[in-house]
Amino acid sequence: MSQDNLIKLECTVCKSLNYRSSKNKKILKDRLELKKFCEKCRKHQMHKETK
């Protein structure tokens, strides 16, 4: 994975950085939002892409 394609996903509820992923920035211009499991909240929450 290239460093410029890596993104961090942050929980919208507790604001913890739980996941790292990659995306194609040429195709996806807006920020990524996924529903993932948060270990701190212990349930599935929305995770948003951070800078």
PDB file of N, CA and C in Angstrom:
ATOM      1  N   MET A   1       0.831  -1.187   0.000  1.00  0.00           N
ATOM      2  CA  MET A   1       0.000   0.000   0.000  1.00  0.00           C
ATOM      3  C   MET A   1       0.872   1.246   0.000  1.00  0.00           C
ATOM      4  N   SER A   2       0.483   2.167  -0.785  1.00  0.00           N
ATOM      5  CA  SER A   2       1.194   3.427  -0.860  1.00  0.00           C
ATOM      6  C   SER A   2       0.777   4.339   0.293  1.00  0.00           C
ATOM      7  N   GLN A   3       1.708   5.132   0.799  1.00  0.00           N
ATOM      8  CA  GLN A   3       1.422   5.997   1.936  1.00  0.00           C
ATOM      9  C   GLN A   3       0.400   7.071   1.598  1.00  0.00           C
ATOM     10  N   ASP A   4       0.394   7.585   0.397  1.00  0.00           N
ATOM     11  CA  ASP A   4      -0.531   8.659   0.053  1.00  0.00           C
ATOM     12  C   ASP A   4      -1.971   8.155  -0.100  1.00  0.00           C
ATOM     13  N   ASN A   5      -2.183   6.845  -0.185  1.00  0.00           N
ATOM     14  CA  ASN A   5      -3.532   6.302  -0.292  1.00  0.00           C
ATOM     15  C   ASN A   5      -4.085   5.834   1.041  1.00  0.00           C
ATOM     16  N   LEU A   6      -3.276   5.858   2.112  1.00  0.00           N
ATOM     17  CA  LEU A   6      -3.740   5.404   3.413  1.00  0.00           C
ATOM     18  C   LEU A   6      -4.614   6.457   4.075  1.00  0.00           C
ATOM     19  N   ILE A   7      -5.667   6.001   4.715  1.00  0.00           N
ATOM     20  CA  ILE A   7      -6.560   6.895   5.463  1.00  0.00           C
ATOM     21  C   ILE A   7      -6.781   6.302   6.850  1.00  0.00           C
ATOM     22  N   LYS A   8      -7.189   7.149   7.798  1.00  0.00           N
ATOM     23  CA  LYS A   8      -7.535   6.710   9.146  1.00  0.00           C
ATOM     24  C   LYS A   8      -9.028   6.869   9.339  1.00  0.00           C
ATOM     25  N   LEU A   9      -9.635   5.896   9.997  1.00  0.00           N
ATOM     26  CA  LEU A   9     -11.068   5.942  10.265  1.00  0.00           C
ATOM     27  C   LEU A   9     -11.287   6.176  11.756  1.00  0.00           C
ATOM     28  N   GLU A  10     -12.109   7.176  12.062  1.00  0.00           N
ATOM     29  CA  GLU A  10     -12.356   7.581  13.440  1.00  0.00           C
ATOM     30  C   GLU A  10     -13.826   7.349  13.784  1.00  0.00           C
ATOM     31  N   CYS A  11     -14.074   6.834  14.977  1.00  0.00           N
ATOM     32  CA  CYS A  11     -15.440   6.619  15.447  1.00  0.00           C
ATOM     33  C   CYS A  11     -16.107   7.969  15.662  1.00  0.00           C
ATOM     34  N   THR A  12     -17.352   8.105  15.203  1.00  0.00           N
ATOM     35  CA  THR A  12     -18.052   9.376  15.343  1.00  0.00           C
ATOM     36  C   THR A  12     -18.563   9.598  16.758  1.00  0.00           C
ATOM     37  N   VAL A  13     -18.677   8.547  17.559  1.00  0.00           N
ATOM     38  CA  VAL A  13     -19.207   8.668  18.917  1.00  0.00           C
ATOM     39  C   VAL A  13     -18.099   8.951  19.921  1.00  0.00           C
ATOM     40  N   CYS A  14     -17.096   8.076  19.996  1.00  0.00           N
ATOM     41  CA  CYS A  14     -16.046   8.229  21.015  1.00  0.00           C
ATOM     42  C   CYS A  14     -14.769   8.871  20.477  1.00  0.00           C
ATOM     43  N   LYS A  15     -14.686   9.133  19.187  1.00  0.00           N
ATOM     44  CA  LYS A  15     -13.555   9.810  18.542  1.00  0.00           C
ATOM     45  C   LYS A  15     -12.228   9.046  18.630  1.00  0.00           C
ATOM     46  N   SER A  16     -12.282   7.744  18.718  1.00  0.00           N
ATOM     47  CA  SER A  16     -11.045   6.962  18.755  1.00  0.00           C
ATOM     48  C   SER A  16     -10.682   6.495  17.345  1.00  0.00           C
ATOM     49  N   LEU A  17      -9.391   6.459  17.052  1.00  0.00           N
ATOM     50  CA  LEU A  17      -8.897   5.996  15.752  1.00  0.00           C
ATOM     51  C   LEU A  17      -8.760   4.484  15.802  1.00  0.00           C
ATOM     52  N   ASN A  18      -9.641   3.794  15.105  1.00  0.00           N
ATOM     53  CA  ASN A  18      -9.697   2.344  15.206  1.00  0.00           C
ATOM     54  C   ASN A  18      -9.157   1.615  13.985  1.00  0.00           C
ATOM     55  N   TYR A  19      -9.286   2.195  12.813  1.00  0.00           N
ATOM     56  CA  TYR A  19      -8.955   1.480  11.590  1.00  0.00           C
ATOM     57  C   TYR A  19      -8.101   2.327  10.667  1.00  0.00           C
ATOM     58  N   ARG A  20      -7.300   1.629   9.866  1.00  0.00           N
ATOM     59  CA  ARG A  20      -6.568   2.246   8.763  1.00  0.00           C
ATOM     60  C   ARG A  20      -6.951   1.493   7.508  1.00  0.00           C
ATOM     61  N   SER A  21      -7.157   2.239   6.450  1.00  0.00           N
ATOM     62  CA  SER A  21      -7.585   1.634   5.205  1.00  0.00           C
ATOM     63  C   SER A  21      -6.964   2.411   4.048  1.00  0.00           C
ATOM     64  N   SER A  22      -7.276   2.000   2.852  1.00  0.00           N
ATOM     65  CA  SER A  22      -6.781   2.714   1.677  1.00  0.00           C
ATOM     66  C   SER A  22      -7.954   3.009   0.764  1.00  0.00           C
ATOM     67  N   LYS A  23      -7.781   4.047  -0.027  1.00  0.00           N
ATOM     68  CA  LYS A  23      -8.807   4.366  -1.017  1.00  0.00           C
ATOM     69  C   LYS A  23      -8.137   5.003  -2.220  1.00  0.00           C
ATOM     70  N   ASN A  24      -8.826   4.936  -3.335  1.00  0.00           N
ATOM     71  CA  ASN A  24      -8.365   5.570  -4.552  1.00  0.00           C
ATOM     72  C   ASN A  24      -8.880   7.010  -4.541  1.00  0.00           C
ATOM     73  N   LYS A  25      -7.987   7.955  -4.346  1.00  0.00           N
ATOM     74  CA  LYS A  25      -8.395   9.348  -4.188  1.00  0.00           C
ATOM     75  C   LYS A  25      -8.799  10.003  -5.505  1.00  0.00           C
ATOM     76  N   LYS A  26      -8.465   9.371  -6.609  1.00  0.00           N
ATOM     77  CA  LYS A  26      -8.884   9.907  -7.903  1.00  0.00           C
ATOM     78  C   LYS A  26     -10.363   9.619  -8.161  1.00  0.00           C
ATOM     79  N   ILE A  27     -10.844   8.495  -7.663  1.00  0.00           N
ATOM     80  CA  ILE A  27     -12.236   8.108  -7.881  1.00  0.00           C
ATOM     81  C   ILE A  27     -13.137   8.661  -6.781  1.00  0.00           C
ATOM     82  N   LEU A  28     -12.737   8.487  -5.537  1.00  0.00           N
ATOM     83  CA  LEU A  28     -13.536   8.927  -4.385  1.00  0.00           C
ATOM     84  C   LEU A  28     -13.028  10.280  -3.903  1.00  0.00           C
ATOM     85  N   LYS A  29     -13.750  11.331  -4.212  1.00  0.00           N
ATOM     86  CA  LYS A  29     -13.317  12.685  -3.840  1.00  0.00           C
ATOM     87  C   LYS A  29     -13.752  13.059  -2.431  1.00  0.00           C
ATOM     88  N   ASP A  30     -14.953  12.618  -2.029  1.00  0.00           N
ATOM     89  CA  ASP A  30     -15.445  12.993  -0.702  1.00  0.00           C
ATOM     90  C   ASP A  30     -14.909  12.022   0.356  1.00  0.00           C
ATOM     91  N   ARG A  31     -15.164  12.341   1.618  1.00  0.00           N
ATOM     92  CA  ARG A  31     -14.661  11.528   2.714  1.00  0.00           C
ATOM     93  C   ARG A  31     -15.457  10.234   2.858  1.00  0.00           C
ATOM     94  N   LEU A  32     -14.747   9.205   3.227  1.00  0.00           N
ATOM     95  CA  LEU A  32     -15.324   7.875   3.337  1.00  0.00           C
ATOM     96  C   LEU A  32     -16.043   7.722   4.683  1.00  0.00           C
ATOM     97  N   GLU A  33     -17.207   7.073   4.672  1.00  0.00           N
ATOM     98  CA  GLU A  33     -17.956   6.761   5.889  1.00  0.00           C
ATOM     99  C   GLU A  33     -18.365   5.300   5.849  1.00  0.00           C
ATOM    100  N   LEU A  34     -17.979   4.561   6.881  1.00  0.00           N
ATOM    101  CA  LEU A  34     -18.296   3.140   6.951  1.00  0.00           C
ATOM    102  C   LEU A  34     -18.839   2.809   8.331  1.00  0.00           C
ATOM    103  N   LYS A  35     -19.694   1.819   8.388  1.00  0.00           N
ATOM    104  CA  LYS A  35     -20.182   1.342   9.672  1.00  0.00           C
ATOM    105  C   LYS A  35     -19.308   0.167  10.082  1.00  0.00           C
ATOM    106  N   LYS A  36     -18.504   0.386  11.141  1.00  0.00           N
ATOM    107  CA  LYS A  36     -17.541  -0.616  11.587  1.00  0.00           C
ATOM    108  C   LYS A  36     -17.705  -0.820  13.091  1.00  0.00           C
ATOM    109  N   PHE A  37     -17.083  -1.873  13.598  1.00  0.00           N
ATOM    110  CA  PHE A  37     -17.152  -2.172  15.018  1.00  0.00           C
ATOM    111  C   PHE A  37     -16.140  -1.325  15.779  1.00  0.00           C
ATOM    112  N   CYS A  38     -16.603  -0.642  16.812  1.00  0.00           N
ATOM    113  CA  CYS A  38     -15.726   0.155  17.670  1.00  0.00           C
ATOM    114  C   CYS A  38     -15.448  -0.633  18.940  1.00  0.00           C
ATOM    115  N   GLU A  39     -14.175  -0.821  19.264  1.00  0.00           N
ATOM    116  CA  GLU A  39     -13.806  -1.614  20.434  1.00  0.00           C
ATOM    117  C   GLU A  39     -14.093  -0.872  21.739  1.00  0.00           C
ATOM    118  N   LYS A  40     -14.006   0.444  21.719  1.00  0.00           N
ATOM    119  CA  LYS A  40     -14.294   1.206  22.936  1.00  0.00           C
ATOM    120  C   LYS A  40     -15.786   1.242  23.235  1.00  0.00           C
ATOM    121  N   CYS A  41     -16.593   1.461  22.225  1.00  0.00           N
ATOM    122  CA  CYS A  41     -18.056   1.522  22.402  1.00  0.00           C
ATOM    123  C   CYS A  41     -18.676   0.136  22.509  1.00  0.00           C
ATOM    124  N   ARG A  42     -17.967  -0.872  21.993  1.00  0.00           N
ATOM    125  CA  ARG A  42     -18.422  -2.260  21.988  1.00  0.00           C
ATOM    126  C   ARG A  42     -19.684  -2.465  21.145  1.00  0.00           C
ATOM    127  N   LYS A  43     -19.814  -1.693  20.064  1.00  0.00           N
ATOM    128  CA  LYS A  43     -20.923  -1.878  19.127  1.00  0.00           C
ATOM    129  C   LYS A  43     -20.556  -1.286  17.779  1.00  0.00           C
ATOM    130  N   HIS A  44     -21.380  -1.528  16.802  1.00  0.00           N
ATOM    131  CA  HIS A  44     -21.146  -1.009  15.462  1.00  0.00           C
ATOM    132  C   HIS A  44     -21.547   0.465  15.411  1.00  0.00           C
ATOM    133  N   GLN A  45     -20.608   1.289  14.970  1.00  0.00           N
ATOM    134  CA  GLN A  45     -20.824   2.731  14.881  1.00  0.00           C
ATOM    135  C   GLN A  45     -20.337   3.221  13.524  1.00  0.00           C
ATOM    136  N   MET A  46     -20.761   4.413  13.169  1.00  0.00           N
ATOM    137  CA  MET A  46     -20.251   5.027  11.947  1.00  0.00           C
ATOM    138  C   MET A  46     -18.823   5.506  12.178  1.00  0.00           C
ATOM    139  N   HIS A  47     -17.955   5.244  11.211  1.00  0.00           N
ATOM    140  CA  HIS A  47     -16.573   5.695  11.243  1.00  0.00           C
ATOM    141  C   HIS A  47     -16.347   6.607  10.037  1.00  0.00           C
ATOM    142  N   LYS A  48     -15.727   7.767  10.294  1.00  0.00           N
ATOM    143  CA  LYS A  48     -15.448   8.720   9.219  1.00  0.00           C
ATOM    144  C   LYS A  48     -13.950   8.805   8.984  1.00  0.00           C
ATOM    145  N   GLU A  49     -13.643   9.166   7.769  1.00  0.00           N
ATOM    146  CA  GLU A  49     -12.237   9.375   7.394  1.00  0.00           C
ATOM    147  C   GLU A  49     -11.718  10.675   8.020  1.00  0.00           C
ATOM    148  N   THR A  50     -10.502  10.619   8.557  1.00  0.00           N
ATOM    149  CA  THR A  50      -9.861  11.813   9.122  1.00  0.00           C
ATOM    150  C   THR A  50      -8.698  12.219   8.238  1.00  0.00           C
ATOM    151  N   LYS A  51      -8.103  13.341   8.541  1.00  0.00           N
ATOM    152  CA  LYS A  51      -6.970  13.838   7.763  1.00  0.00           C
ATOM    153  C   LYS A  51      -5.712  13.055   8.039  1.00  0.00           C
TER     154      LYS A  51
END
